[in-house]
Amino acid sequence: MKIAVATDQEDINAPISPHFGRASYFLIFDADGHLLEAISNAPPLEAHGAGHRAARSLADAGITHVIAGHIGPKAEADLAAAGIEMFEHEGRAIDTVHELR
């Protein structure tokens, strides 16, 4: 299990970002809730497609679960097609990961 949490800071105590595709970072946790890495989610130059690009990147990284404040319909479809489970949640990244386990 690899869990990606959308945040705007590289800190496990950071709040979950309200926008999946526009989050500044994805914090990657293992099944035990340990932080593995923080992946930068560089903002796209185009006005649309951020969620699609982020979903593809996480699928390529072997992510199995995603947590964000909100996941748009196009990103949701991409994540579902990749077999990634999605959770819309508010709160601190680390607390939410421990709730998921």
N, C-alpha and C. Protein backbone atom coordinates (compact mmCIF):
# COMPACT_ATOMS: atom_id res chain seq x y z
N MET A 1 0.84 -1.18 0.00
CA MET A 1 0.00 0.00 0.00
C MET A 1 0.89 1.25 0.00
N LYS A 2 0.63 2.13 -0.94
CA LYS A 2 1.29 3.43 -0.99
C LYS A 2 0.20 4.50 -1.06
N ILE A 3 0.22 5.37 -0.06
CA ILE A 3 -0.82 6.38 0.09
C ILE A 3 -0.24 7.75 -0.26
N ALA A 4 -0.89 8.46 -1.17
CA ALA A 4 -0.48 9.82 -1.52
C ALA A 4 -1.49 10.80 -0.92
N VAL A 5 -0.96 11.79 -0.18
CA VAL A 5 -1.81 12.81 0.42
C VAL A 5 -1.46 14.15 -0.22
N ALA A 6 -2.47 14.82 -0.79
CA ALA A 6 -2.27 16.13 -1.40
C ALA A 6 -2.11 17.19 -0.31
N THR A 7 -0.99 17.92 -0.35
CA THR A 7 -0.74 19.00 0.61
C THR A 7 -0.08 20.17 -0.11
N ASP A 8 0.06 21.28 0.61
CA ASP A 8 0.76 22.43 0.05
C ASP A 8 2.07 22.69 0.77
N GLN A 9 2.48 21.71 1.61
CA GLN A 9 3.74 21.80 2.35
C GLN A 9 4.35 20.40 2.41
N GLU A 10 5.66 20.35 2.63
CA GLU A 10 6.36 19.06 2.74
C GLU A 10 6.42 18.60 4.19
N ASP A 11 5.34 18.72 4.91
CA ASP A 11 5.31 18.44 6.35
C ASP A 11 4.15 17.50 6.64
N ILE A 12 4.40 16.43 7.41
CA ILE A 12 3.35 15.47 7.72
C ILE A 12 2.22 16.08 8.53
N ASN A 13 2.47 17.21 9.18
CA ASN A 13 1.43 17.89 9.94
C ASN A 13 0.67 18.93 9.11
N ALA A 14 1.01 19.03 7.84
CA ALA A 14 0.35 19.99 6.95
C ALA A 14 -1.11 19.61 6.75
N PRO A 15 -1.95 20.61 6.53
CA PRO A 15 -3.34 20.28 6.21
C PRO A 15 -3.44 19.69 4.80
N ILE A 16 -4.44 18.88 4.61
CA ILE A 16 -4.69 18.30 3.30
C ILE A 16 -5.12 19.42 2.36
N SER A 17 -4.58 19.42 1.16
CA SER A 17 -4.92 20.44 0.18
C SER A 17 -6.37 20.26 -0.28
N PRO A 18 -7.08 21.37 -0.45
CA PRO A 18 -8.46 21.26 -0.92
C PRO A 18 -8.57 20.90 -2.40
N HIS A 19 -7.47 20.98 -3.15
CA HIS A 19 -7.51 20.74 -4.59
C HIS A 19 -6.46 19.71 -4.99
N PHE A 20 -6.89 18.53 -5.39
CA PHE A 20 -5.99 17.45 -5.77
C PHE A 20 -4.96 17.87 -6.82
N GLY A 21 -5.42 18.29 -7.97
CA GLY A 21 -4.52 18.57 -9.09
C GLY A 21 -3.63 19.78 -8.90
N ARG A 22 -4.04 20.71 -8.05
CA ARG A 22 -3.28 21.94 -7.83
C ARG A 22 -2.49 21.93 -6.53
N ALA A 23 -2.47 20.80 -5.84
CA ALA A 23 -1.68 20.70 -4.61
C ALA A 23 -0.21 20.88 -4.94
N SER A 24 0.53 21.48 -4.04
CA SER A 24 1.97 21.70 -4.28
C SER A 24 2.78 20.42 -4.15
N TYR A 25 2.32 19.51 -3.26
CA TYR A 25 3.06 18.27 -3.00
C TYR A 25 2.11 17.11 -2.81
N PHE A 26 2.65 15.92 -2.98
CA PHE A 26 1.99 14.69 -2.55
C PHE A 26 2.95 14.03 -1.56
N LEU A 27 2.49 13.85 -0.33
CA LEU A 27 3.27 13.12 0.66
C LEU A 27 2.94 11.65 0.50
N ILE A 28 3.95 10.83 0.36
CA ILE A 28 3.77 9.41 0.11
C ILE A 28 4.07 8.64 1.40
N PHE A 29 3.08 7.87 1.85
CA PHE A 29 3.20 7.09 3.07
C PHE A 29 3.09 5.60 2.74
N ASP A 30 3.72 4.77 3.59
CA ASP A 30 3.56 3.32 3.43
C ASP A 30 2.35 2.85 4.24
N ALA A 31 2.11 1.56 4.25
CA ALA A 31 0.94 0.99 4.94
C ALA A 31 0.99 1.21 6.45
N ASP A 32 2.17 1.41 7.00
CA ASP A 32 2.32 1.63 8.44
C ASP A 32 2.23 3.10 8.82
N GLY A 33 2.01 3.98 7.84
CA GLY A 33 1.88 5.40 8.12
C GLY A 33 3.20 6.13 8.21
N HIS A 34 4.27 5.53 7.68
CA HIS A 34 5.58 6.18 7.67
C HIS A 34 5.75 6.97 6.38
N LEU A 35 6.25 8.17 6.51
CA LEU A 35 6.49 9.00 5.33
C LEU A 35 7.65 8.42 4.54
N LEU A 36 7.42 8.16 3.26
CA LEU A 36 8.46 7.63 2.37
C LEU A 36 9.15 8.76 1.62
N GLU A 37 8.36 9.70 1.11
CA GLU A 37 8.91 10.81 0.34
C GLU A 37 7.85 11.87 0.12
N ALA A 38 8.29 13.02 -0.32
CA ALA A 38 7.40 14.09 -0.75
C ALA A 38 7.68 14.33 -2.23
N ILE A 39 6.64 14.25 -3.04
CA ILE A 39 6.77 14.47 -4.47
C ILE A 39 6.23 15.85 -4.80
N SER A 40 7.04 16.66 -5.46
CA SER A 40 6.59 17.97 -5.89
C SER A 40 5.59 17.83 -7.03
N ASN A 41 4.52 18.56 -6.96
CA ASN A 41 3.51 18.56 -8.02
C ASN A 41 3.61 19.92 -8.70
N ALA A 42 4.55 20.03 -9.62
CA ALA A 42 4.79 21.30 -10.31
C ALA A 42 3.52 21.79 -10.98
N PRO A 43 3.17 23.06 -10.78
CA PRO A 43 1.95 23.56 -11.42
C PRO A 43 2.08 23.56 -12.94
N PRO A 44 1.02 23.15 -13.61
CA PRO A 44 1.07 23.12 -15.07
C PRO A 44 1.00 24.53 -15.64
N LEU A 45 1.54 24.70 -16.82
CA LEU A 45 1.48 26.00 -17.48
C LEU A 45 0.09 26.24 -18.07
N GLU A 46 -0.60 25.19 -18.44
CA GLU A 46 -1.92 25.33 -19.03
C GLU A 46 -2.98 25.50 -17.94
N ALA A 47 -4.11 26.06 -18.32
CA ALA A 47 -5.18 26.32 -17.36
C ALA A 47 -5.92 25.06 -16.95
N HIS A 48 -5.91 24.04 -17.78
CA HIS A 48 -6.65 22.81 -17.51
C HIS A 48 -5.71 21.61 -17.57
N GLY A 49 -6.12 20.51 -16.94
CA GLY A 49 -5.36 19.27 -17.04
C GLY A 49 -4.48 18.95 -15.85
N ALA A 50 -4.52 19.79 -14.81
CA ALA A 50 -3.66 19.55 -13.65
C ALA A 50 -4.00 18.22 -12.98
N GLY A 51 -5.28 17.93 -12.81
CA GLY A 51 -5.68 16.69 -12.17
C GLY A 51 -5.31 15.47 -12.99
N HIS A 52 -5.46 15.57 -14.29
CA HIS A 52 -5.09 14.46 -15.19
C HIS A 52 -3.59 14.17 -15.08
N ARG A 53 -2.79 15.22 -15.13
CA ARG A 53 -1.33 15.07 -15.05
C ARG A 53 -0.93 14.48 -13.69
N ALA A 54 -1.52 14.98 -12.61
CA ALA A 54 -1.19 14.48 -11.27
C ALA A 54 -1.60 13.01 -11.13
N ALA A 55 -2.78 12.66 -11.63
CA ALA A 55 -3.25 11.28 -11.54
C ALA A 55 -2.31 10.34 -12.28
N ARG A 56 -1.89 10.72 -13.46
CA ARG A 56 -0.97 9.90 -14.25
C ARG A 56 0.36 9.73 -13.52
N SER A 57 0.86 10.79 -12.94
CA SER A 57 2.12 10.75 -12.20
C SER A 57 2.04 9.80 -11.01
N LEU A 58 0.94 9.86 -10.27
CA LEU A 58 0.78 8.98 -9.11
C LEU A 58 0.59 7.53 -9.53
N ALA A 59 -0.13 7.30 -10.60
CA ALA A 59 -0.28 5.93 -11.10
C ALA A 59 1.07 5.35 -11.50
N ASP A 60 1.89 6.16 -12.16
CA ASP A 60 3.24 5.73 -12.56
C ASP A 60 4.12 5.43 -11.35
N ALA A 61 3.85 6.09 -10.21
CA ALA A 61 4.63 5.90 -8.99
C ALA A 61 4.15 4.72 -8.16
N GLY A 62 3.10 4.02 -8.62
CA GLY A 62 2.61 2.85 -7.91
C GLY A 62 1.73 3.17 -6.71
N ILE A 63 1.12 4.33 -6.71
CA ILE A 63 0.24 4.72 -5.60
C ILE A 63 -1.03 3.88 -5.63
N THR A 64 -1.50 3.46 -4.46
CA THR A 64 -2.71 2.66 -4.37
C THR A 64 -3.90 3.42 -3.78
N HIS A 65 -3.61 4.49 -3.03
CA HIS A 65 -4.65 5.28 -2.38
C HIS A 65 -4.28 6.76 -2.47
N VAL A 66 -5.29 7.61 -2.66
CA VAL A 66 -5.09 9.06 -2.71
C VAL A 66 -6.06 9.73 -1.75
N ILE A 67 -5.54 10.73 -1.03
CA ILE A 67 -6.36 11.53 -0.13
C ILE A 67 -6.20 12.99 -0.52
N ALA A 68 -7.31 13.69 -0.72
CA ALA A 68 -7.30 15.12 -1.04
C ALA A 68 -8.61 15.72 -0.54
N GLY A 69 -8.64 17.03 -0.43
CA GLY A 69 -9.87 17.70 -0.02
C GLY A 69 -10.96 17.53 -1.05
N HIS A 70 -10.59 17.63 -2.32
CA HIS A 70 -11.54 17.46 -3.41
C HIS A 70 -10.79 16.91 -4.62
N ILE A 71 -11.42 15.98 -5.31
CA ILE A 71 -10.86 15.40 -6.53
C ILE A 71 -11.88 15.64 -7.64
N GLY A 72 -11.46 16.35 -8.67
CA GLY A 72 -12.36 16.66 -9.77
C GLY A 72 -12.75 15.43 -10.57
N PRO A 73 -13.82 15.54 -11.37
CA PRO A 73 -14.33 14.37 -12.09
C PRO A 73 -13.36 13.75 -13.09
N LYS A 74 -12.57 14.56 -13.77
CA LYS A 74 -11.61 14.00 -14.74
C LYS A 74 -10.49 13.27 -14.03
N ALA A 75 -9.96 13.87 -12.96
CA ALA A 75 -8.91 13.20 -12.18
C ALA A 75 -9.46 11.94 -11.53
N GLU A 76 -10.70 12.02 -11.05
CA GLU A 76 -11.33 10.86 -10.43
C GLU A 76 -11.43 9.71 -11.43
N ALA A 77 -11.81 10.01 -12.66
CA ALA A 77 -11.89 8.97 -13.69
C ALA A 77 -10.52 8.37 -13.98
N ASP A 78 -9.49 9.22 -14.05
CA ASP A 78 -8.13 8.73 -14.30
C ASP A 78 -7.64 7.85 -13.16
N LEU A 79 -7.88 8.28 -11.93
CA LEU A 79 -7.45 7.50 -10.77
C LEU A 79 -8.18 6.17 -10.71
N ALA A 80 -9.48 6.19 -10.97
CA ALA A 80 -10.27 4.95 -10.96
C ALA A 80 -9.78 3.99 -12.04
N ALA A 81 -9.47 4.52 -13.21
CA ALA A 81 -8.97 3.67 -14.30
C ALA A 81 -7.64 3.01 -13.93
N ALA A 82 -6.85 3.69 -13.09
CA ALA A 82 -5.57 3.15 -12.64
C ALA A 82 -5.73 2.24 -11.42
N GLY A 83 -6.96 2.08 -10.93
CA GLY A 83 -7.19 1.22 -9.77
C GLY A 83 -6.82 1.86 -8.45
N ILE A 84 -6.74 3.17 -8.41
CA ILE A 84 -6.36 3.89 -7.20
C ILE A 84 -7.61 4.27 -6.42
N GLU A 85 -7.65 3.89 -5.15
CA GLU A 85 -8.78 4.26 -4.29
C GLU A 85 -8.64 5.71 -3.87
N MET A 86 -9.77 6.42 -3.81
CA MET A 86 -9.77 7.85 -3.51
C MET A 86 -10.58 8.15 -2.27
N PHE A 87 -10.09 9.13 -1.51
CA PHE A 87 -10.77 9.59 -0.31
C PHE A 87 -10.72 11.10 -0.28
N GLU A 88 -11.87 11.75 -0.13
CA GLU A 88 -11.91 13.19 0.05
C GLU A 88 -12.04 13.43 1.54
N HIS A 89 -11.10 14.21 2.07
CA HIS A 89 -11.01 14.36 3.51
C HIS A 89 -10.38 15.70 3.85
N GLU A 90 -10.68 16.21 5.04
CA GLU A 90 -10.04 17.41 5.56
C GLU A 90 -9.25 17.02 6.80
N GLY A 91 -8.28 17.82 7.17
CA GLY A 91 -7.51 17.56 8.37
C GLY A 91 -6.03 17.53 8.08
N ARG A 92 -5.25 17.07 9.06
CA ARG A 92 -3.81 16.97 8.89
C ARG A 92 -3.47 15.69 8.13
N ALA A 93 -2.45 15.75 7.32
CA ALA A 93 -2.05 14.61 6.49
C ALA A 93 -1.81 13.35 7.33
N ILE A 94 -0.99 13.44 8.35
CA ILE A 94 -0.62 12.27 9.14
C ILE A 94 -1.82 11.66 9.87
N ASP A 95 -2.70 12.50 10.39
CA ASP A 95 -3.89 11.99 11.09
C ASP A 95 -4.78 11.21 10.15
N THR A 96 -4.95 11.73 8.96
CA THR A 96 -5.83 11.10 7.98
C THR A 96 -5.25 9.76 7.52
N VAL A 97 -3.95 9.69 7.33
CA VAL A 97 -3.30 8.43 6.95
C VAL A 97 -3.54 7.37 8.03
N HIS A 98 -3.40 7.77 9.28
CA HIS A 98 -3.60 6.80 10.37
C HIS A 98 -5.06 6.36 10.47
N GLU A 99 -6.00 7.24 10.13
CA GLU A 99 -7.41 6.86 10.10
C GLU A 99 -7.69 5.84 8.99
N LEU A 100 -7.03 6.01 7.85
CA LEU A 100 -7.23 5.14 6.70
C LEU A 100 -6.75 3.73 6.99
N ARG A 101 -5.65 3.60 7.73
CA ARG A 101 -5.09 2.28 7.97
C ARG A 101 -6.05 1.50 8.75
